[in-house]
Protein backbone atom coordinates (compact mmCIF):
# COMPACT_ATOMS: atom_id res chain seq x y z
CA MET A 1 -18.61 12.70 -15.88
CA ARG A 2 -15.60 13.42 -17.72
CA ILE A 3 -12.15 13.30 -15.47
CA GLU A 4 -10.56 16.72 -15.59
CA HIS A 5 -8.23 17.05 -13.17
CA VAL A 6 -5.67 14.43 -10.71
CA GLU A 7 -4.82 16.17 -7.76
CA SER A 8 -1.93 13.97 -4.98
CA ARG A 9 -1.29 16.00 -2.54
CA LEU A 10 0.77 15.53 0.40
CA ILE A 11 -0.24 17.22 3.67
CA GLY A 12 1.00 17.14 7.21
CA GLY A 13 2.92 13.46 6.22
CA ALA A 14 -0.56 12.43 4.69
CA HIS A 15 -0.81 11.64 0.76
CA PHE A 16 -4.30 12.54 -0.59
CA VAL A 17 -5.88 12.20 -3.92
CA GLU A 18 -8.66 14.68 -4.75
CA ILE A 19 -10.63 14.54 -8.39
CA THR A 20 -12.48 16.95 -10.17
CA VAL A 21 -15.12 15.88 -12.97
CA GLU A 22 -16.21 18.09 -15.41
CA ASP A 23 -19.58 19.32 -13.91
CA GLY A 24 -17.09 20.97 -10.83
CA LEU A 25 -17.90 17.71 -8.17
CA LYS A 26 -14.98 16.92 -6.70
CA GLY A 27 -14.02 13.65 -5.06
CA LEU A 28 -11.71 12.35 -2.56
CA GLY A 29 -9.00 9.32 -1.53
CA GLN A 30 -6.49 8.47 0.90
CA SER A 31 -3.47 5.97 0.82
CA GLY A 32 -2.56 3.92 3.21
CA CYS A 33 1.28 3.55 2.46
CA TRP A 34 2.55 6.15 5.06
CA ALA A 35 6.22 4.70 5.32
CA TYR A 36 6.74 6.28 1.83
CA PRO A 37 3.79 9.10 0.51
CA SER A 38 5.93 10.68 -1.80
CA ALA A 39 6.57 7.38 -3.76
CA VAL A 40 3.21 7.00 -4.00
CA SER A 41 2.07 10.58 -5.32
CA GLU A 42 4.23 9.94 -7.92
CA ILE A 43 2.87 6.63 -9.42
CA VAL A 44 -0.76 8.64 -8.58
CA ASN A 45 0.41 11.35 -10.90
CA VAL A 46 1.77 8.78 -13.78
CA PHE A 47 -1.99 7.57 -13.17
CA ALA A 48 -3.42 10.86 -13.54
CA LYS A 49 -2.10 10.71 -17.51
CA TYR A 50 -5.24 7.69 -17.93
CA LEU A 51 -7.67 9.09 -15.88
CA ILE A 52 -7.41 12.47 -17.65
CA GLY A 53 -10.72 12.65 -20.58
CA LYS A 54 -11.80 9.17 -18.98
CA ASN A 55 -15.55 8.42 -17.67
CA ALA A 56 -15.36 8.82 -13.99
CA GLU A 57 -18.26 6.37 -13.42
CA ASN A 58 -16.35 3.75 -14.90
CA ILE A 59 -14.82 2.54 -11.79
CA GLU A 60 -14.24 -1.50 -12.23
CA GLN A 61 -12.83 -0.44 -15.94
CA HIS A 62 -10.24 2.33 -14.30
CA TRP A 63 -8.91 -0.21 -11.25
CA GLN A 64 -8.46 -2.77 -13.90
CA HIS A 65 -6.50 -0.39 -16.16
CA LEU A 66 -4.56 1.36 -13.88
CA TYR A 67 -3.39 -2.24 -12.15
CA ARG A 68 -2.27 -3.47 -15.24
CA MET A 69 -1.15 -1.13 -17.21
CA GLY A 70 2.18 -1.76 -15.47
CA PRO A 71 4.37 -5.28 -14.44
CA PHE A 72 4.77 -4.07 -11.38
CA ARG A 73 2.88 -4.59 -8.04
CA GLY A 74 3.12 -3.71 -4.47
CA SER A 75 2.13 -1.57 -1.35
CA VAL A 76 3.18 1.79 -3.32
CA VAL A 77 1.32 0.48 -6.19
CA GLY A 78 -1.86 -0.87 -4.23
CA ALA A 79 -1.50 2.76 -2.31
CA ALA A 80 -2.00 4.70 -5.04
CA LEU A 81 -4.94 2.57 -6.96
CA SER A 82 -6.54 2.54 -3.38
CA ALA A 83 -6.31 6.59 -3.25
CA VAL A 84 -7.89 6.65 -6.51
CA ASP A 85 -10.50 4.33 -6.61
CA ILE A 86 -11.97 5.99 -2.90
CA ALA A 87 -12.07 9.14 -4.75
CA LEU A 88 -13.96 7.86 -7.99
CA TRP A 89 -17.11 6.06 -5.26
CA ASP A 90 -16.78 9.44 -3.71
CA ILE A 91 -17.77 11.17 -6.68
CA LYS A 92 -20.65 8.48 -7.86
CA GLY A 93 -22.09 8.89 -4.57
CA GLN A 94 -22.07 12.53 -4.70
CA ARG A 95 -23.79 12.37 -8.23
CA LEU A 96 -26.53 9.99 -7.34
CA GLY A 97 -27.22 11.71 -4.23
CA VAL A 98 -26.76 8.38 -2.17
CA PRO A 99 -23.77 7.50 0.62
CA ILE A 100 -21.28 4.96 -1.39
CA TRP A 101 -22.56 2.12 1.16
CA ASP A 102 -25.91 2.27 -0.53
CA LEU A 103 -24.46 1.71 -3.84
CA LEU A 104 -22.28 -1.56 -2.78
CA GLY A 105 -25.59 -3.79 -2.05
CA GLY A 106 -27.27 -1.70 0.84
CA LYS A 107 -26.98 -1.82 4.57
CA CYS A 108 -26.34 -5.26 5.98
CA ARG A 109 -26.13 -3.34 9.53
CA ASP A 110 -27.65 -0.37 11.68
CA ARG A 111 -24.31 0.97 13.27
CA LEU A 112 -21.06 -0.63 13.62
CA ARG A 113 -19.49 -1.79 16.32
CA LEU A 114 -15.97 -0.14 16.86
CA LEU A 115 -12.78 -1.52 18.51
CA TRP A 116 -10.98 1.04 20.52
CA LEU A 117 -6.93 1.41 19.50
CA ILE A 118 -4.46 1.85 22.31
CA LEU A 119 -1.20 2.90 20.83
CA GLY A 120 1.83 2.60 22.65
CA ASP A 121 4.26 0.54 25.20
CA PHE A 122 2.54 0.56 28.47
CA ASP A 123 3.55 -1.41 31.82
CA PRO A 124 0.42 -3.60 32.96
CA ASN A 125 -0.82 -0.89 35.40
CA ALA A 126 -1.13 1.77 32.34
CA ILE A 127 -2.85 -1.13 30.10
CA ALA A 128 -5.52 -1.21 32.58
CA GLU A 129 -5.99 2.60 32.69
CA LYS A 130 -5.99 2.30 28.82
CA VAL A 131 -8.57 0.22 28.38
CA ARG A 132 -10.32 1.30 31.43
CA ASP A 133 -10.83 4.40 29.78
CA GLY A 134 -11.87 3.32 26.43
CA VAL A 135 -15.16 1.11 28.20
CA ALA A 136 -15.40 4.31 29.83
CA LYS A 137 -16.58 6.08 26.57
CA GLY A 138 -18.53 3.10 25.67
CA PHE A 139 -16.47 0.97 23.49
CA THR A 140 -17.18 -3.04 23.78
CA ALA A 141 -13.69 -4.18 22.01
CA VAL A 142 -10.32 -2.69 22.75
CA LYS A 143 -6.92 -3.31 21.24
CA PHE A 144 -3.03 -2.75 22.45
CA ASP A 145 -0.04 -4.03 21.77
CA PRO A 146 1.39 -6.04 24.75
CA ILE A 147 4.93 -6.61 23.96
CA PRO A 148 7.89 -4.39 25.72
CA THR A 149 10.15 -1.89 23.09
CA ASN A 150 13.23 -4.04 24.23
CA ALA A 151 11.33 -7.54 23.76
CA GLY A 152 14.24 -8.35 20.81
CA ASP A 153 16.69 -8.74 24.01
CA MET A 154 14.35 -11.08 26.16
CA SER A 155 14.59 -14.24 27.28
CA VAL A 156 11.43 -16.29 25.93
CA ASP A 157 10.29 -16.96 28.70
CA ARG A 158 11.09 -13.49 30.02
CA LEU A 159 9.01 -12.23 27.13
CA VAL A 160 6.13 -14.50 27.72
CA SER A 161 5.53 -13.08 31.45
CA GLU A 162 5.60 -9.86 30.58
CA VAL A 163 3.00 -10.69 27.71
CA THR A 164 1.02 -12.33 29.48
CA ASN A 165 1.24 -9.81 33.02
CA ARG A 166 0.00 -7.10 30.19
CA VAL A 167 -2.82 -8.95 28.84
CA GLU A 168 -3.94 -10.32 32.49
CA SER A 169 -3.96 -6.60 33.39
CA ALA A 170 -6.11 -5.80 30.17
CA ARG A 171 -8.63 -8.60 31.47
CA ASP A 172 -9.29 -8.16 34.70
CA ALA A 173 -9.38 -4.18 34.17
CA VAL A 174 -12.27 -4.96 31.15
CA GLY A 175 -13.97 -8.06 33.17
CA LYS A 176 -16.21 -10.63 30.88
CA ASP A 177 -18.14 -8.00 28.37
CA VAL A 178 -15.74 -6.41 26.67
CA ASP A 179 -13.50 -8.24 23.54
CA ILE A 180 -9.59 -8.06 23.54
CA VAL A 181 -6.96 -8.16 20.85
CA VAL A 182 -3.82 -8.13 21.13
CA GLU A 183 -1.41 -6.88 18.39
CA LEU A 184 1.74 -7.87 17.96
CA HIS A 185 3.30 -6.10 15.09
CA ARG A 186 5.09 -8.54 13.38
CA ARG A 187 7.34 -8.88 15.78
CA LEU A 188 8.11 -12.88 16.93
CA THR A 189 9.55 -15.69 15.18
CA PRO A 190 6.86 -18.60 15.11
CA LEU A 191 9.01 -20.15 17.73
CA MET A 192 8.79 -17.37 19.87
CA ALA A 193 4.80 -16.63 18.78
CA MET A 194 3.27 -20.32 20.04
CA PRO A 195 4.65 -20.66 23.75
CA LEU A 196 3.08 -16.87 24.00
CA ILE A 197 0.05 -17.61 22.23
CA ASP A 198 -0.58 -20.74 24.35
CA GLU A 199 0.01 -18.60 27.32
CA ILE A 200 -2.63 -16.20 27.27
CA ARG A 201 -5.18 -18.27 25.70
CA LYS A 202 -6.80 -18.45 28.95
CA PHE A 203 -7.68 -14.91 28.35
CA ASN A 204 -10.20 -15.70 25.35
CA CYS A 205 -9.00 -12.90 22.98
CA LEU A 206 -11.45 -12.22 20.19
CA PHE A 207 -8.00 -12.40 18.10
CA ILE A 208 -4.19 -11.79 17.95
CA GLU A 209 -2.87 -9.81 15.10
CA ASP A 210 -0.14 -10.27 13.17
CA PRO A 211 2.46 -12.45 15.59
CA ILE A 212 4.85 -13.00 13.27
CA GLN A 213 6.57 -10.90 9.99
CA ILE A 214 4.91 -10.61 7.19
CA ASP A 215 7.61 -11.99 4.29
CA SER A 216 6.04 -15.19 3.99
CA ILE A 217 2.06 -15.59 3.11
CA SER A 218 2.52 -19.38 4.23
CA SER A 219 4.39 -18.81 7.54
CA GLN A 220 1.20 -16.70 8.21
CA ALA A 221 -1.01 -19.05 6.91
CA GLU A 222 0.60 -21.81 9.25
CA MET A 223 0.74 -20.03 12.23
CA ALA A 224 -3.21 -19.51 12.11
CA ALA A 225 -3.80 -22.91 11.34
CA ARG A 226 -1.92 -24.15 14.28
CA SER A 227 -3.22 -21.52 16.81
CA ILE A 228 -5.82 -22.35 18.92
CA VAL A 229 -6.50 -18.72 19.18
CA PRO A 230 -8.01 -16.91 16.52
CA ILE A 231 -5.58 -14.99 14.31
CA GLY A 232 -5.67 -11.82 12.34
CA ASN A 233 -3.76 -11.14 9.32
CA GLY A 234 -3.62 -8.79 6.38
CA GLU A 235 -3.03 -5.04 6.80
CA ARG A 236 -0.24 -4.86 4.46
CA LEU A 237 -1.58 -7.13 1.80
CA ASN A 238 -2.49 -5.79 -1.17
CA THR A 239 -4.69 -8.17 -3.24
CA ILE A 240 -7.48 -10.81 -3.44
CA TRP A 241 -5.08 -13.15 -4.90
CA GLU A 242 -2.79 -12.85 -1.43
CA TYR A 243 -5.78 -13.09 0.81
CA ARG A 244 -7.10 -16.21 -1.36
CA GLU A 245 -3.26 -18.00 -0.88
CA LEU A 246 -3.47 -16.71 3.24
CA LEU A 247 -7.06 -18.90 3.20
CA ALA A 248 -6.47 -21.26 0.97
CA GLN A 249 -3.25 -22.61 2.95
CA GLY A 250 -5.48 -22.44 6.74
CA GLY A 251 -5.48 -18.63 7.65
CA SER A 252 -6.73 -16.32 8.94
CA GLN A 253 -9.85 -15.71 10.91
CA TYR A 254 -9.80 -12.30 10.98
CA LEU A 255 -9.15 -10.14 7.49
CA ARG A 256 -7.54 -7.05 8.01
CA PRO A 257 -6.98 -5.63 4.56
CA ASP A 258 -6.71 -1.55 4.67
CA PRO A 259 -8.92 0.26 2.12
CA GLY A 260 -6.13 2.64 1.63
CA LEU A 261 -3.87 0.20 0.64
CA ALA A 262 -5.26 -3.06 -0.77
CA GLY A 263 -7.16 -1.24 -3.50
CA GLY A 264 -9.74 0.94 -2.44
CA ILE A 265 -13.18 0.74 -1.44
CA THR A 266 -13.40 -1.74 -5.22
CA HIS A 267 -11.16 -4.43 -4.41
CA CYS A 268 -11.51 -4.62 -0.06
CA LYS A 269 -15.39 -5.52 -1.32
CA LYS A 270 -13.84 -8.70 -3.38
CA ILE A 271 -11.39 -9.52 -0.78
CA ALA A 272 -14.49 -9.51 2.14
CA ALA A 273 -16.40 -12.09 -0.16
CA VAL A 274 -13.10 -14.60 -0.70
CA GLY A 275 -13.11 -14.25 3.27
CA GLU A 276 -16.98 -14.82 3.39
CA SER A 277 -16.16 -17.92 1.29
CA HIS A 278 -14.16 -19.36 3.81
CA HIS A 279 -16.02 -18.22 6.96
CA ALA A 280 -13.56 -15.64 7.83
CA ALA A 281 -14.29 -12.19 9.33
CA VAL A 282 -13.42 -8.80 8.10
CA VAL A 283 -11.86 -5.97 10.56
CA THR A 284 -10.53 -3.40 8.12
CA HIS A 285 -7.08 -1.73 9.05
CA ASN A 286 -7.76 1.82 10.44
CA PHE A 287 -5.91 4.24 11.94
CA LEU A 288 -5.22 6.92 9.51
CA GLY A 289 -8.03 9.37 10.39
CA PRO A 290 -11.56 10.37 9.26
CA VAL A 291 -11.32 9.83 5.26
CA LEU A 292 -9.94 5.43 5.93
CA THR A 293 -12.54 5.13 8.32
CA ALA A 294 -15.04 6.99 6.18
CA ALA A 295 -14.06 4.37 3.70
CA SER A 296 -14.22 1.09 5.98
CA VAL A 297 -17.71 2.87 7.77
CA HIS A 298 -19.48 2.88 3.77
CA LEU A 299 -17.90 -1.49 3.32
CA MET A 300 -18.44 -2.70 6.21
CA THR A 301 -21.99 -1.59 5.82
CA SER A 302 -22.64 -3.31 3.30
CA ILE A 303 -20.66 -6.41 3.91
CA PRO A 304 -21.75 -9.95 6.04
CA ASN A 305 -18.77 -11.01 7.77
CA PHE A 306 -18.68 -7.93 9.70
CA VAL A 307 -17.72 -8.25 13.75
CA VAL A 308 -15.98 -4.79 14.66
CA GLN A 309 -14.19 -1.64 12.96
CA GLU A 310 -11.25 -0.24 13.90
CA TYR A 311 -10.94 3.13 15.66
CA SER A 312 -8.08 5.28 16.79
CA ALA A 313 -8.49 8.13 18.80
CA ILE A 314 -6.88 10.50 16.09
CA ASP A 315 -10.14 10.42 14.07
CA GLU A 316 -11.38 12.90 17.52
CA SER A 317 -7.86 14.77 17.82
CA PRO A 318 -7.23 18.15 17.00
CA ALA A 319 -5.89 16.97 13.97
CA ALA A 320 -9.29 16.28 12.84
CA GLN A 321 -10.10 19.52 12.67
CA GLY A 322 -8.68 19.15 9.31
CA TYR A 323 -11.44 17.46 8.19
CA ILE A 324 -15.22 17.70 7.12
CA SER A 325 -17.02 14.66 8.13
CA GLN A 326 -20.41 13.40 8.46
CA LEU A 327 -19.08 10.48 10.44
CA LYS A 328 -20.70 10.41 14.41
CA ARG A 329 -19.40 7.85 17.19
CA GLU A 330 -22.21 6.94 19.50
CA GLY A 331 -20.07 5.37 22.73
CA GLY A 332 -19.04 1.88 20.84
CA ASP A 333 -20.64 1.98 17.73
CA MET A 334 -20.65 4.22 14.61
CA LEU A 335 -23.58 5.45 12.89
CA ILE A 336 -24.04 4.83 9.43
CA PRO A 337 -24.07 8.32 7.60
CA ASP A 338 -26.56 9.15 5.05
CA ALA A 339 -24.48 11.95 3.36
CA PRO A 340 -23.86 11.60 -0.48
CA GLY A 341 -20.59 9.65 -0.95
CA LEU A 342 -17.92 9.44 1.48
CA GLY A 343 -19.20 11.79 3.53
CA VAL A 344 -15.75 13.32 4.80
CA SER A 345 -13.84 16.44 2.72
CA LEU A 346 -11.01 18.26 3.59
CA ASN A 347 -11.19 21.64 5.37
CA PRO A 348 -9.90 23.82 2.88
CA GLU A 349 -8.87 26.73 6.23
CA ALA A 350 -7.07 23.94 7.94
CA THR A 351 -3.53 23.06 7.59
CA ASP A 352 -2.96 20.60 10.65
CA LEU A 353 -4.31 17.16 9.01
CA TRP A 354 -2.69 14.01 10.86
CA LEU A 355 1.19 13.22 10.68
CA SER A 356 2.83 10.12 9.61
CA PRO A 357 2.77 7.43 12.09
CA LEU A 358 6.60 7.88 12.22
CA GLU A 359 8.10 9.03 15.23
CA GLY A 360 11.21 9.75 14.07
CA PRO A 361 13.54 9.25 10.76
CA LEU A 362 12.26 5.98 9.13
CA HIS A 363 15.51 4.74 9.36
CA GLU A 364 15.54 4.71 13.16
CA ILE A 365 14.01 1.30 13.98
CA PRO A 366 14.69 -0.65 17.20
CA LEU A 367 17.64 -2.75 17.09
CA ARG A 368 19.10 -5.63 19.57
CA ARG A 369 21.55 -5.22 22.28
CA ASP A 370 23.76 -6.39 19.56
CA GLY A 371 22.97 -4.27 16.39
CA SER A 372 20.79 -6.54 14.83
CA VAL A 373 17.88 -5.23 13.74
CA ALA A 374 14.79 -6.42 16.18
CA TRP A 375 11.30 -5.86 14.40
CA SER A 376 9.48 -2.83 12.16
CA VAL A 377 6.42 -1.11 12.55
């Protein structure tokens, strides 16, 4: 099981790692730092100098070595480490002939409830149509962003009114038997977020995600502690230490680690355990396609503090033909895969893998009317 080759691949704006061992077995991983895939790729090339010749089975040892061999941290390092980690788990599962979830302690459930992700800026009528479409597909939980693109130039009263209209429209469209998650995309200050959260609490959202910028863990925790509505945070966090601080300071109720950013399967399993000790649920961040969906599915199958799994139409778009996947959705649930390893590989004949979520150059982010920076994705 010696590692013979580590290939860092940039395809269509997405970044993948393929690790090959001496008997020809190949594992696949993907990183989640989608804004800087080239930087992540270069770090993987540095990691490769350590990995070549090592025993692929010693996943925890390699995680610790790669994380600590340089005195630097952050999203780009975390993403590179995540992609390598997922690929190593894929190899181990294939070699033993079992799915990854079996190696993580077995099943905690027989299927995974999915959260239908709706991307885009829509008016109340369009949001109602989008969430009804999700329910028609069988989903019992939907997620959308109700903040208008020009929110940076709105008065607080106008912002609260516009957002409330959108959330009310969604609730009226789906009724009482579907959970709603409101994604605020880190666009607000604490002073703007609180009156908005107070106003939409009457719609009984499952949780509200990322109401404020993620610059301060303390501020995020304080927001979660102050809010009577459950808060979800963490899609841009990287380590158990960040999550420990977030939870120790009072929040959040829903943790959102991304397996492509927060240390892969190895580390996200630990984050889930830290969350369990604080009675916090885990809803992994997931919208980059089948590879990271599969990593999330194996993780969520194996942990007790699961509620719902984020799921995007990207997984069923034409670009999904770039993958060979054993994942199968049944209505609003994901069936537990039984294929060895990750259960997803790249289709060697396809070139149209999903592109980066950037719609334009990275520096083209929304500005306020006065030219100042409004928010970023």
